Amino acid sequence: MRRGSKADELLSLLFMVMAVASGVCYFAFGPKVFFIVGGIAVLMRIVHYILRFF
């Protein structure tokens, strides 16, 4: 995956949305949901970097 491609931009946008959603979940539902949504966001970002590397 090249930097600036549509897939790269989509994965970056998804990470940003999930990061904001985790912050909202912290105040709305508590820390358990925050860690679940935040963990998924971090895993998506790690996959994004791995795909960009290869």
Protein backbone atom coordinates (compact mmCIF):
# COMPACT_ATOMS: atom_id res chain seq x y z
CA MET A 1 0.00 0.00 0.00
CA ARG A 2 1.38 3.35 -0.95
CA ARG A 3 1.09 6.49 1.10
CA GLY A 4 -1.74 8.66 -0.21
CA SER A 5 -3.70 5.84 -1.84
CA LYS A 6 -7.43 5.50 -1.28
CA ALA A 7 -7.00 2.47 0.98
CA ASP A 8 -4.40 4.34 3.05
CA GLU A 9 -6.71 7.31 3.47
CA LEU A 10 -9.66 5.07 4.33
CA LEU A 11 -7.74 3.22 7.04
CA SER A 12 -6.50 6.51 8.50
CA LEU A 13 -10.03 7.89 8.55
CA LEU A 14 -11.37 4.73 10.19
CA PHE A 15 -8.71 4.97 12.89
CA MET A 16 -9.55 8.59 13.61
CA VAL A 17 -13.28 7.83 13.84
CA MET A 18 -12.64 4.89 16.16
CA ALA A 19 -10.34 7.02 18.35
CA VAL A 20 -13.02 9.69 18.74
CA ALA A 21 -15.66 7.02 19.32
CA SER A 22 -13.58 5.48 22.09
CA GLY A 23 -13.37 8.85 23.83
CA VAL A 24 -17.13 9.26 23.60
CA CYS A 25 -17.65 5.71 24.86
CA TYR A 26 -15.52 6.44 27.91
CA PHE A 27 -17.89 9.14 29.10
CA ALA A 28 -21.10 7.48 27.87
CA PHE A 29 -20.58 3.82 28.81
CA GLY A 30 -17.55 3.59 31.08
CA PRO A 31 -13.98 2.39 30.85
CA LYS A 32 -14.73 -1.20 29.79
CA VAL A 33 -16.27 -0.17 26.46
CA PHE A 34 -13.56 2.48 26.07
CA PHE A 35 -10.83 -0.17 26.27
CA ILE A 36 -12.62 -2.44 23.80
CA VAL A 37 -13.20 0.26 21.18
CA GLY A 38 -9.78 1.82 21.78
CA GLY A 39 -8.11 -1.58 21.50
CA ILE A 40 -9.80 -2.23 18.18
CA ALA A 41 -8.65 1.19 16.97
CA VAL A 42 -5.05 0.48 17.98
CA LEU A 43 -5.13 -2.95 16.30
CA MET A 44 -6.47 -1.36 13.11
CA ARG A 45 -3.61 1.16 13.20
CA ILE A 46 -1.02 -1.59 13.65
CA VAL A 47 -2.47 -3.48 10.67
CA HIS A 48 -2.38 -0.23 8.70
CA TYR A 49 1.34 0.22 9.40
CA ILE A 50 2.07 -3.42 8.55
CA LEU A 51 0.24 -3.11 5.23
CA ARG A 52 2.09 0.11 4.47
CA PHE A 53 5.42 -1.53 5.26
CA PHE A 54 4.90 -4.51 2.94
